[in-house]
Amino acid sequence: MEESEINPDIQEKVESLADNAREQDINNADKKNTELNFKNDSVFKRVLENGFDGITTNPNYKLLALLIILLINLSLFFLVGNLGKSFLKNSGLLG
């Protein structure tokens, strides 16, 4: 059988398979490009674009940072309170 006598249905199937393969190659190339862009996104760029809150999307890290900030604030509150209390005692205003 010659090439000119190929069944048109079979030829359409072959062409559609070739088109699907081309589309898959294009999709794979797009996925690779997005992965490369994601890998090239550095912490410095994320800080510049999103600020310090945009560094992570993990809520556990955000809660940990909040806990640390609150503990530091509490420690400073007690430190300033004790300094003020000792100042008032030394000045004779507090019994």
Protein backbone atom coordinates (compact mmCIF):
# COMPACT_ATOMS: atom_id res chain seq x y z
CA MET A 1 0.00 0.00 0.00
CA GLU A 2 1.37 3.42 -0.91
CA GLU A 3 1.41 6.47 1.36
CA SER A 4 -1.21 8.21 -0.71
CA GLU A 5 -3.65 5.37 -0.04
CA ILE A 6 -3.49 5.65 3.82
CA ASN A 7 -6.83 5.56 5.53
CA PRO A 8 -7.87 9.16 6.40
CA ASP A 9 -9.08 8.10 9.87
CA ILE A 10 -5.69 6.67 10.74
CA GLN A 11 -3.94 9.73 9.38
CA GLU A 12 -6.12 12.01 11.54
CA LYS A 13 -5.34 9.93 14.62
CA VAL A 14 -1.61 10.15 13.94
CA GLU A 15 -1.84 13.92 13.45
CA SER A 16 -3.84 14.35 16.66
CA LEU A 17 -1.29 12.27 18.58
CA ALA A 18 1.50 14.43 17.20
CA ASP A 19 -0.39 17.59 18.23
CA ASN A 20 -0.92 16.20 21.73
CA ALA A 21 2.79 15.42 22.00
CA ARG A 22 3.65 18.99 20.96
CA GLU A 23 1.21 20.42 23.55
CA GLN A 24 2.71 18.23 26.26
CA ASP A 25 6.20 19.42 25.34
CA ILE A 26 5.02 23.04 25.57
CA ASN A 27 3.37 22.37 28.95
CA ASN A 28 6.51 20.69 30.27
CA ALA A 29 8.63 23.65 29.12
CA ASP A 30 6.24 26.06 30.88
CA LYS A 31 6.44 24.01 34.09
CA LYS A 32 10.24 24.02 33.96
CA ASN A 33 10.28 27.80 33.45
CA THR A 34 8.01 28.37 36.45
CA GLU A 35 10.16 26.04 38.59
CA LEU A 36 13.30 27.93 37.58
CA ASN A 37 11.66 31.26 38.37
CA PHE A 38 10.59 29.91 41.77
CA LYS A 39 14.11 28.69 42.53
CA ASN A 40 15.63 32.03 41.45
CA ASP A 41 13.35 33.89 43.87
CA SER A 42 15.69 34.66 46.75
CA VAL A 43 14.89 35.56 50.35
CA PHE A 44 16.22 39.07 49.69
CA LYS A 45 13.77 39.58 46.81
CA ARG A 46 10.88 38.25 48.86
CA VAL A 47 11.73 40.62 51.73
CA LEU A 48 11.90 43.56 49.32
CA GLU A 49 8.60 42.68 47.65
CA ASN A 50 6.54 41.41 50.58
CA GLY A 51 8.23 42.77 53.69
CA PHE A 52 9.26 40.64 56.63
CA ASP A 53 5.82 39.05 56.96
CA GLY A 54 6.05 37.64 53.44
CA ILE A 55 9.14 35.54 54.05
CA THR A 56 7.19 32.44 54.91
CA THR A 57 3.71 31.14 54.28
CA ASN A 58 4.01 28.60 57.08
CA PRO A 59 1.68 29.74 59.88
CA ASN A 60 3.68 27.84 62.50
CA TYR A 61 6.72 30.04 61.87
CA LYS A 62 4.56 33.15 62.07
CA LEU A 63 3.14 32.01 65.41
CA LEU A 64 6.63 31.24 66.67
CA ALA A 65 7.82 34.72 65.69
CA LEU A 66 4.80 36.26 67.42
CA LEU A 67 5.51 34.26 70.59
CA ILE A 68 9.13 35.40 70.63
CA ILE A 69 8.11 39.04 70.15
CA LEU A 70 5.58 38.80 72.98
CA LEU A 71 8.13 37.22 75.34
CA ILE A 72 10.63 39.98 74.57
CA ASN A 73 7.97 42.63 75.25
CA LEU A 74 7.03 40.98 78.54
CA SER A 75 10.68 40.81 79.61
CA LEU A 76 11.19 44.48 78.79
CA PHE A 77 8.04 45.38 80.71
CA PHE A 78 9.32 43.67 83.88
CA LEU A 79 12.80 45.16 83.45
CA VAL A 80 11.48 48.71 83.14
CA GLY A 81 9.07 48.09 86.01
CA ASN A 82 11.85 46.90 88.32
CA LEU A 83 14.08 49.84 87.35
CA GLY A 84 11.25 52.24 88.10
CA LYS A 85 10.47 50.53 91.39
CA SER A 86 14.09 50.68 92.53
CA PHE A 87 14.31 54.35 91.49
CA LEU A 88 11.22 55.21 93.53
CA LYS A 89 12.55 53.30 96.57
CA ASN A 90 15.91 55.05 96.38
CA SER A 91 14.30 58.46 96.07
CA GLY A 92 12.15 57.85 99.12
CA LEU A 93 8.81 58.18 97.31
CA LEU A 94 8.00 54.49 97.65
CA GLY A 95 7.92 53.06 101.18
